[in-house]
PDB file of all heavy atoms in Angstrom:
ATOM      1  N   LYS A   1      26.832  36.566 -15.365  1.00  0.00           N
ATOM      2  CA  LYS A   1      25.612  36.861 -14.509  1.00  0.00           C
ATOM      3  C   LYS A   1      25.356  35.782 -13.526  1.00  0.00           C
ATOM      4  O   LYS A   1      24.973  36.151 -12.375  1.00  0.00           O
ATOM      5  CB  LYS A   1      24.405  37.028 -15.484  1.00  0.00           C
ATOM      6  CG  LYS A   1      24.405  38.258 -16.357  1.00  0.00           C
ATOM      7  CD  LYS A   1      23.340  38.222 -17.406  1.00  0.00           C
ATOM      8  CE  LYS A   1      23.541  39.252 -18.507  1.00  0.00           C
ATOM      9  NZ  LYS A   1      22.629  39.119 -19.620  1.00  0.00           N
ATOM     10  N   LYS A   2      25.560  34.563 -13.860  1.00  0.00           N
ATOM     11  CA  LYS A   2      25.416  33.478 -12.868  1.00  0.00           C
ATOM     12  C   LYS A   2      26.392  33.628 -11.761  1.00  0.00           C
ATOM     13  O   LYS A   2      26.052  33.421 -10.575  1.00  0.00           O
ATOM     14  CB  LYS A   2      25.574  32.109 -13.596  1.00  0.00           C
ATOM     15  CG  LYS A   2      24.381  31.713 -14.397  1.00  0.00           C
ATOM     16  CD  LYS A   2      24.613  30.243 -14.982  1.00  0.00           C
ATOM     17  CE  LYS A   2      23.427  29.785 -15.685  1.00  0.00           C
ATOM     18  NZ  LYS A   2      23.636  28.435 -16.324  1.00  0.00           N
ATOM     19  N   GLU A   3      27.644  34.001 -12.051  1.00  0.00           N
ATOM     20  CA  GLU A   3      28.638  34.194 -11.030  1.00  0.00           C
ATOM     21  C   GLU A   3      28.280  35.386 -10.103  1.00  0.00           C
ATOM     22  O   GLU A   3      28.453  35.287  -8.859  1.00  0.00           O
ATOM     23  CB  GLU A   3      30.010  34.487 -11.713  1.00  0.00           C
ATOM     24  CG  GLU A   3      31.144  34.633 -10.720  1.00  0.00           C
ATOM     25  CD  GLU A   3      31.605  33.262 -10.174  1.00  0.00           C
ATOM     26  OE1 GLU A   3      31.047  32.242 -10.562  1.00  0.00           O
ATOM     27  OE2 GLU A   3      32.556  33.305  -9.404  1.00  0.00           O
ATOM     28  N   LEU A   4      27.681  36.399 -10.673  1.00  0.00           N
ATOM     29  CA  LEU A   4      27.321  37.603  -9.837  1.00  0.00           C
ATOM     30  C   LEU A   4      26.154  37.189  -8.941  1.00  0.00           C
ATOM     31  O   LEU A   4      26.064  37.713  -7.828  1.00  0.00           O
ATOM     32  CB  LEU A   4      26.901  38.770 -10.734  1.00  0.00           C
ATOM     33  CG  LEU A   4      28.041  39.414 -11.591  1.00  0.00           C
ATOM     34  CD1 LEU A   4      27.476  40.568 -12.363  1.00  0.00           C
ATOM     35  CD2 LEU A   4      29.184  39.867 -10.706  1.00  0.00           C
ATOM     36  N   VAL A   5      25.283  36.320  -9.404  1.00  0.00           N
ATOM     37  CA  VAL A   5      24.148  35.898  -8.558  1.00  0.00           C
ATOM     38  C   VAL A   5      24.638  34.998  -7.441  1.00  0.00           C
ATOM     39  O   VAL A   5      24.247  35.134  -6.350  1.00  0.00           O
ATOM     40  CB  VAL A   5      23.118  35.131  -9.458  1.00  0.00           C
ATOM     41  CG1 VAL A   5      22.081  34.431  -8.564  1.00  0.00           C
ATOM     42  CG2 VAL A   5      22.363  36.056 -10.403  1.00  0.00           C
ATOM     43  N   LEU A   6      25.562  34.040  -7.731  1.00  0.00           N
ATOM     44  CA  LEU A   6      26.029  33.088  -6.785  1.00  0.00           C
ATOM     45  C   LEU A   6      27.020  33.731  -5.765  1.00  0.00           C
ATOM     46  O   LEU A   6      26.918  33.347  -4.583  1.00  0.00           O
ATOM     47  CB  LEU A   6      26.701  31.976  -7.515  1.00  0.00           C
ATOM     48  CG  LEU A   6      25.852  31.050  -8.318  1.00  0.00           C
ATOM     49  CD1 LEU A   6      26.719  30.028  -9.132  1.00  0.00           C
ATOM     50  CD2 LEU A   6      24.863  30.260  -7.464  1.00  0.00           C
ATOM     51  N   LYS A   7      27.883  34.661  -6.151  1.00  0.00           N
ATOM     52  CA  LYS A   7      28.891  35.152  -5.322  1.00  0.00           C
ATOM     53  C   LYS A   7      28.931  36.586  -4.976  1.00  0.00           C
ATOM     54  O   LYS A   7      29.627  37.011  -4.119  1.00  0.00           O
ATOM     55  CB  LYS A   7      30.246  34.712  -5.873  1.00  0.00           C
ATOM     56  CG  LYS A   7      30.487  33.212  -5.985  1.00  0.00           C
ATOM     57  CD  LYS A   7      31.839  32.835  -6.466  1.00  0.00           C
ATOM     58  CE  LYS A   7      32.082  31.365  -6.532  1.00  0.00           C
ATOM     59  NZ  LYS A   7      33.399  31.027  -7.016  1.00  0.00           N
ATOM     60  N   TRP A   8      28.104  37.367  -5.697  1.00  0.00           N
ATOM     61  CA  TRP A   8      28.111  38.850  -5.486  1.00  0.00           C
ATOM     62  C   TRP A   8      26.749  39.390  -5.052  1.00  0.00           C
ATOM     63  O   TRP A   8      26.557  40.626  -5.072  1.00  0.00           O
ATOM     64  CB  TRP A   8      28.546  39.551  -6.748  1.00  0.00           C
ATOM     65  CG  TRP A   8      29.911  39.217  -7.149  1.00  0.00           C
ATOM     66  CD1 TRP A   8      30.359  38.039  -7.768  1.00  0.00           C
ATOM     67  CD2 TRP A   8      31.156  40.010  -7.058  1.00  0.00           C
ATOM     68  NE1 TRP A   8      31.707  38.098  -8.075  1.00  0.00           N
ATOM     69  CE2 TRP A   8      32.203  39.277  -7.609  1.00  0.00           C
ATOM     70  CE3 TRP A   8      31.306  41.251  -6.529  1.00  0.00           C
ATOM     71  CZ2 TRP A   8      33.482  39.791  -7.624  1.00  0.00           C
ATOM     72  CZ3 TRP A   8      32.605  41.805  -6.550  1.00  0.00           C
ATOM     73  CH2 TRP A   8      33.689  41.085  -7.104  1.00  0.00           C
ATOM     74  N   ASN A   9      25.911  38.544  -4.700  1.00  0.00           N
ATOM     75  CA  ASN A   9      24.590  38.931  -4.070  1.00  0.00           C
ATOM     76  C   ASN A   9      23.692  39.690  -5.120  1.00  0.00           C
ATOM     77  O   ASN A   9      22.857  40.465  -4.688  1.00  0.00           O
ATOM     78  CB  ASN A   9      24.774  39.762  -2.821  1.00  0.00           C
ATOM     79  CG  ASN A   9      23.510  39.912  -1.964  1.00  0.00           C
ATOM     80  OD1 ASN A   9      22.745  38.941  -1.867  1.00  0.00           O
ATOM     81  ND2 ASN A   9      23.186  41.053  -1.461  1.00  0.00           N
ATOM     82  N   LEU A  10      23.888  39.414  -6.387  1.00  0.00           N
ATOM     83  CA  LEU A  10      23.059  40.117  -7.393  1.00  0.00           C
ATOM     84  C   LEU A  10      21.749  39.361  -7.475  1.00  0.00           C
ATOM     85  O   LEU A  10      21.604  38.105  -7.561  1.00  0.00           O
ATOM     86  CB  LEU A  10      23.743  40.046  -8.742  1.00  0.00           C
ATOM     87  CG  LEU A  10      22.954  40.680  -9.882  1.00  0.00           C
ATOM     88  CD1 LEU A  10      22.871  42.192  -9.722  1.00  0.00           C
ATOM     89  CD2 LEU A  10      23.573  40.333 -11.224  1.00  0.00           C
ATOM     90  N   LYS A  11      20.621  40.112  -7.615  1.00  0.00           N
ATOM     91  CA  LYS A  11      19.363  39.548  -7.958  1.00  0.00           C
ATOM     92  C   LYS A  11      19.135  39.846  -9.464  1.00  0.00           C
ATOM     93  O   LYS A  11      19.257  41.005  -9.918  1.00  0.00           O
ATOM     94  CB  LYS A  11      18.239  40.149  -7.131  1.00  0.00           C
ATOM     95  CG  LYS A  11      18.437  40.034  -5.567  1.00  0.00           C
ATOM     96  CD  LYS A  11      18.600  38.610  -5.155  1.00  0.00           C
ATOM     97  CE  LYS A  11      18.755  38.526  -3.649  1.00  0.00           C
ATOM     98  NZ  LYS A  11      19.973  39.155  -3.145  1.00  0.00           N
ATOM     99  N   HIS A  12      18.772  38.798 -10.210  1.00  0.00           N
ATOM    100  CA  HIS A  12      18.757  38.926 -11.623  1.00  0.00           C
ATOM    101  C   HIS A  12      17.481  38.288 -12.172  1.00  0.00           C
ATOM    102  O   HIS A  12      17.062  37.162 -11.682  1.00  0.00           O
ATOM    103  CB  HIS A  12      19.967  38.284 -12.250  1.00  0.00           C
ATOM    104  CG  HIS A  12      19.972  38.118 -13.721  1.00  0.00           C
ATOM    105  ND1 HIS A  12      19.318  37.056 -14.354  1.00  0.00           N
ATOM    106  CD2 HIS A  12      20.510  38.849 -14.717  1.00  0.00           C
ATOM    107  CE1 HIS A  12      19.522  37.174 -15.674  1.00  0.00           C
ATOM    108  NE2 HIS A  12      20.179  38.241 -15.912  1.00  0.00           N
ATOM    109  N   TYR A  13      16.842  38.881 -13.148  1.00  0.00           N
ATOM    110  CA  TYR A  13      15.583  38.363 -13.749  1.00  0.00           C
ATOM    111  C   TYR A  13      15.558  38.773 -15.212  1.00  0.00           C
ATOM    112  O   TYR A  13      15.713  39.924 -15.520  1.00  0.00           O
ATOM    113  CB  TYR A  13      14.368  38.872 -13.005  1.00  0.00           C
ATOM    114  CG  TYR A  13      13.064  38.261 -13.542  1.00  0.00           C
ATOM    115  CD1 TYR A  13      12.797  36.880 -13.373  1.00  0.00           C
ATOM    116  CD2 TYR A  13      12.095  39.028 -14.165  1.00  0.00           C
ATOM    117  CE1 TYR A  13      11.642  36.322 -13.845  1.00  0.00           C
ATOM    118  CE2 TYR A  13      10.941  38.469 -14.649  1.00  0.00           C
ATOM    119  CZ  TYR A  13      10.728  37.146 -14.450  1.00  0.00           C
ATOM    120  OH  TYR A  13       9.570  36.606 -14.913  1.00  0.00           O
ATOM    121  N   SER A  14      15.232  37.777 -16.110  1.00  0.00           N
ATOM    122  CA  SER A  14      15.220  38.108 -17.509  1.00  0.00           C
ATOM    123  C   SER A  14      14.177  37.279 -18.318  1.00  0.00           C
ATOM    124  O   SER A  14      14.357  37.079 -19.524  1.00  0.00           O
ATOM    125  CB  SER A  14      16.641  37.818 -18.114  1.00  0.00           C
ATOM    126  OG  SER A  14      16.991  36.426 -17.960  1.00  0.00           O
ATOM    127  N   ARG A  15      13.144  36.833 -17.626  1.00  0.00           N
ATOM    128  CA  ARG A  15      12.148  36.014 -18.365  1.00  0.00           C
ATOM    129  C   ARG A  15      11.278  36.876 -19.298  1.00  0.00           C
ATOM    130  O   ARG A  15      10.623  37.810 -18.801  1.00  0.00           O
ATOM    131  CB  ARG A  15      11.246  35.311 -17.334  1.00  0.00           C
ATOM    132  CG  ARG A  15      10.027  34.544 -17.901  1.00  0.00           C
ATOM    133  CD  ARG A  15       9.248  33.871 -16.861  1.00  0.00           C
ATOM    134  NE  ARG A  15       8.020  33.315 -17.310  1.00  0.00           N
ATOM    135  CZ  ARG A  15       6.943  33.903 -17.449  1.00  0.00           C
ATOM    136  NH1 ARG A  15       6.766  35.216 -17.022  1.00  0.00           N
ATOM    137  NH2 ARG A  15       5.826  33.283 -17.867  1.00  0.00           N
ATOM    138  N   HIS A  16      11.317  36.572 -20.619  1.00  0.00           N
ATOM    139  CA  HIS A  16      10.483  37.301 -21.582  1.00  0.00           C
ATOM    140  C   HIS A  16      10.687  38.785 -21.472  1.00  0.00           C
ATOM    141  O   HIS A  16       9.775  39.623 -21.605  1.00  0.00           O
ATOM    142  CB  HIS A  16       9.032  36.988 -21.378  1.00  0.00           C
ATOM    143  CG  HIS A  16       8.660  35.537 -21.530  1.00  0.00           C
ATOM    144  ND1 HIS A  16       9.195  34.710 -22.515  1.00  0.00           N
ATOM    145  CD2 HIS A  16       7.846  34.755 -20.786  1.00  0.00           C
ATOM    146  CE1 HIS A  16       8.711  33.479 -22.408  1.00  0.00           C
ATOM    147  NE2 HIS A  16       7.943  33.467 -21.339  1.00  0.00           N
ATOM    148  N   THR A  17      11.944  39.248 -21.245  1.00  0.00           N
ATOM    149  CA  THR A  17      12.223  40.687 -21.266  1.00  0.00           C
ATOM    150  C   THR A  17      13.368  40.993 -22.210  1.00  0.00           C
ATOM    151  O   THR A  17      14.215  40.179 -22.404  1.00  0.00           O
ATOM    152  CB  THR A  17      12.669  41.150 -19.833  1.00  0.00           C
ATOM    153  OG1 THR A  17      13.893  40.490 -19.477  1.00  0.00           O
ATOM    154  CG2 THR A  17      11.597  40.845 -18.811  1.00  0.00           C
ATOM    155  N   ARG A  18      13.227  42.167 -22.792  1.00  0.00           N
ATOM    156  CA  ARG A  18      14.385  42.643 -23.670  1.00  0.00           C
ATOM    157  C   ARG A  18      15.431  43.217 -22.684  1.00  0.00           C
ATOM    158  O   ARG A  18      15.197  44.270 -22.071  1.00  0.00           O
ATOM    159  CB  ARG A  18      13.921  43.651 -24.645  1.00  0.00           C
ATOM    160  CG  ARG A  18      13.041  43.080 -25.747  1.00  0.00           C
ATOM    161  CD  ARG A  18      12.788  44.178 -26.783  1.00  0.00           C
ATOM    162  NE  ARG A  18      13.983  44.616 -27.420  1.00  0.00           N
ATOM    163  CZ  ARG A  18      14.103  45.654 -28.278  1.00  0.00           C
ATOM    164  NH1 ARG A  18      12.955  46.260 -28.619  1.00  0.00           N
ATOM    165  NH2 ARG A  18      15.222  45.967 -28.833  1.00  0.00           N
ATOM    166  N   GLY A  19      16.526  42.545 -22.467  1.00  0.00           N
ATOM    167  CA  GLY A  19      17.429  42.911 -21.426  1.00  0.00           C
ATOM    168  C   GLY A  19      17.210  42.182 -20.210  1.00  0.00           C
ATOM    169  O   GLY A  19      16.527  41.122 -20.228  1.00  0.00           O
ATOM    170  N   PHE A  20      17.703  42.689 -19.041  1.00  0.00           N
ATOM    171  CA  PHE A  20      17.506  41.944 -17.811  1.00  0.00           C
ATOM    172  C   PHE A  20      17.417  42.967 -16.676  1.00  0.00           C
ATOM    173  O   PHE A  20      17.938  44.050 -16.703  1.00  0.00           O
ATOM    174  CB  PHE A  20      18.733  40.988 -17.543  1.00  0.00           C
ATOM    175  CG  PHE A  20      20.082  41.610 -17.607  1.00  0.00           C
ATOM    176  CD1 PHE A  20      20.742  42.025 -16.448  1.00  0.00           C
ATOM    177  CD2 PHE A  20      20.711  41.889 -18.864  1.00  0.00           C
ATOM    178  CE1 PHE A  20      21.986  42.582 -16.548  1.00  0.00           C
ATOM    179  CE2 PHE A  20      21.925  42.491 -18.881  1.00  0.00           C
ATOM    180  CZ  PHE A  20      22.566  42.843 -17.686  1.00  0.00           C
ATOM    181  N   TYR A  21      16.654  42.503 -15.613  1.00  0.00           N
ATOM    182  CA  TYR A  21      16.479  43.306 -14.446  1.00  0.00           C
ATOM    183  C   TYR A  21      17.486  42.925 -13.359  1.00  0.00           C
ATOM    184  O   TYR A  21      17.706  41.720 -13.205  1.00  0.00           O
ATOM    185  CB  TYR A  21      15.039  43.182 -13.899  1.00  0.00           C
ATOM    186  CG  TYR A  21      14.010  43.857 -14.745  1.00  0.00           C
ATOM    187  CD1 TYR A  21      13.507  43.295 -15.912  1.00  0.00           C
ATOM    188  CD2 TYR A  21      13.545  45.134 -14.398  1.00  0.00           C
ATOM    189  CE1 TYR A  21      12.624  43.956 -16.673  1.00  0.00           C
ATOM    190  CE2 TYR A  21      12.627  45.787 -15.176  1.00  0.00           C
ATOM    191  CZ  TYR A  21      12.106  45.196 -16.340  1.00  0.00           C
ATOM    192  OH  TYR A  21      11.212  45.837 -17.091  1.00  0.00           O
ATOM    193  N   VAL A  22      18.022  43.929 -12.604  1.00  0.00           N
ATOM    194  CA  VAL A  22      19.008  43.639 -11.603  1.00  0.00           C
ATOM    195  C   VAL A  22      18.783  44.438 -10.316  1.00  0.00           C
ATOM    196  O   VAL A  22      18.180  45.545 -10.404  1.00  0.00           O
ATOM    197  CB  VAL A  22      20.475  43.962 -12.053  1.00  0.00           C
ATOM    198  CG1 VAL A  22      20.870  42.969 -13.152  1.00  0.00           C
ATOM    199  CG2 VAL A  22      20.590  45.377 -12.567  1.00  0.00           C
ATOM    200  N   SER A  23      19.203  43.982  -9.220  1.00  0.00           N
ATOM    201  CA  SER A  23      19.094  44.714  -7.979  1.00  0.00           C
ATOM    202  C   SER A  23      20.168  44.049  -6.975  1.00  0.00           C
ATOM    203  O   SER A  23      20.395  42.855  -7.047  1.00  0.00           O
ATOM    204  CB  SER A  23      17.714  44.625  -7.359  1.00  0.00           C
ATOM    205  OG  SER A  23      17.727  45.300  -6.067  1.00  0.00           O
ATOM    206  N   PHE A  24      20.656  44.901  -6.096  1.00  0.00           N
ATOM    207  CA  PHE A  24      21.496  44.426  -5.034  1.00  0.00           C
ATOM    208  C   PHE A  24      20.794  44.549  -3.723  1.00  0.00           C
ATOM    209  O   PHE A  24      21.194  44.016  -2.634  1.00  0.00           O
ATOM    210  CB  PHE A  24      22.845  45.144  -4.946  1.00  0.00           C
ATOM    211  CG  PHE A  24      23.860  44.719  -6.014  1.00  0.00           C
ATOM    212  CD1 PHE A  24      24.186  45.642  -7.036  1.00  0.00           C
ATOM    213  CD2 PHE A  24      24.396  43.507  -6.025  1.00  0.00           C
ATOM    214  CE1 PHE A  24      25.063  45.244  -8.048  1.00  0.00           C
ATOM    215  CE2 PHE A  24      25.290  43.089  -6.983  1.00  0.00           C
ATOM    216  CZ  PHE A  24      25.637  43.941  -8.026  1.00  0.00           C
ATOM    217  N   SER A  25      19.702  45.337  -3.658  1.00  0.00           N
ATOM    218  CA  SER A  25      19.013  45.644  -2.444  1.00  0.00           C
ATOM    219  C   SER A  25      17.659  44.904  -2.276  1.00  0.00           C
ATOM    220  O   SER A  25      17.218  44.702  -1.174  1.00  0.00           O
ATOM    221  CB  SER A  25      18.807  47.145  -2.243  1.00  0.00           C
ATOM    222  OG  SER A  25      18.041  47.638  -3.362  1.00  0.00           O
ATOM    223  N   MET A  26      17.007  44.585  -3.373  1.00  0.00           N
ATOM    224  CA  MET A  26      15.755  43.910  -3.298  1.00  0.00           C
ATOM    225  C   MET A  26      15.883  42.396  -3.251  1.00  0.00           C
ATOM    226  O   MET A  26      16.874  41.831  -3.700  1.00  0.00           O
ATOM    227  CB  MET A  26      14.865  44.326  -4.536  1.00  0.00           C
ATOM    228  CG  MET A  26      14.584  45.798  -4.661  1.00  0.00           C
ATOM    229  SD  MET A  26      13.847  46.214  -6.221  1.00  0.00           S
ATOM    230  CE  MET A  26      12.164  45.530  -6.000  1.00  0.00           C
ATOM    231  N   ASN A  27      14.847  41.734  -2.729  1.00  0.00           N
ATOM    232  CA  ASN A  27      14.839  40.238  -2.858  1.00  0.00           C
ATOM    233  C   ASN A  27      14.348  39.907  -4.260  1.00  0.00           C
ATOM    234  O   ASN A  27      13.769  40.733  -4.971  1.00  0.00           O
ATOM    235  CB  ASN A  27      14.034  39.630  -1.727  1.00  0.00           C
ATOM    236  CG  ASN A  27      12.538  40.021  -1.742  1.00  0.00           C
ATOM    237  OD1 ASN A  27      11.965  39.904  -2.766  1.00  0.00           O
ATOM    238  ND2 ASN A  27      12.027  40.408  -0.588  1.00  0.00           N
ATOM    239  N   LEU A  28      14.526  38.653  -4.592  1.00  0.00           N
ATOM    240  CA  LEU A  28      14.206  38.233  -5.999  1.00  0.00           C
ATOM    241  C   LEU A  28      12.697  38.332  -6.287  1.00  0.00           C
ATOM    242  O   LEU A  28      12.273  38.742  -7.381  1.00  0.00           O
ATOM    243  CB  LEU A  28      14.639  36.784  -6.216  1.00  0.00           C
ATOM    244  CG  LEU A  28      14.445  36.239  -7.604  1.00  0.00           C
ATOM    245  CD1 LEU A  28      15.180  37.137  -8.622  1.00  0.00           C
ATOM    246  CD2 LEU A  28      15.003  34.758  -7.647  1.00  0.00           C
ATOM    247  N   THR A  29      11.867  37.983  -5.278  1.00  0.00           N
ATOM    248  CA  THR A  29      10.385  38.082  -5.497  1.00  0.00           C
ATOM    249  C   THR A  29       9.993  39.502  -5.835  1.00  0.00           C
ATOM    250  O   THR A  29       9.213  39.685  -6.769  1.00  0.00           O
ATOM    251  CB  THR A  29       9.662  37.613  -4.250  1.00  0.00           C
ATOM    252  OG1 THR A  29      10.035  36.202  -3.990  1.00  0.00           O
ATOM    253  CG2 THR A  29       8.137  37.617  -4.471  1.00  0.00           C
TER     254      THR A  29
END
């Protein structure tokens, strides 16, 4: 996941969530 964030433009968020949220089109905020 870190590699996808750094090199594949993935936006990733998983704070206090079961699973993780992802997007390629939205900004992180």
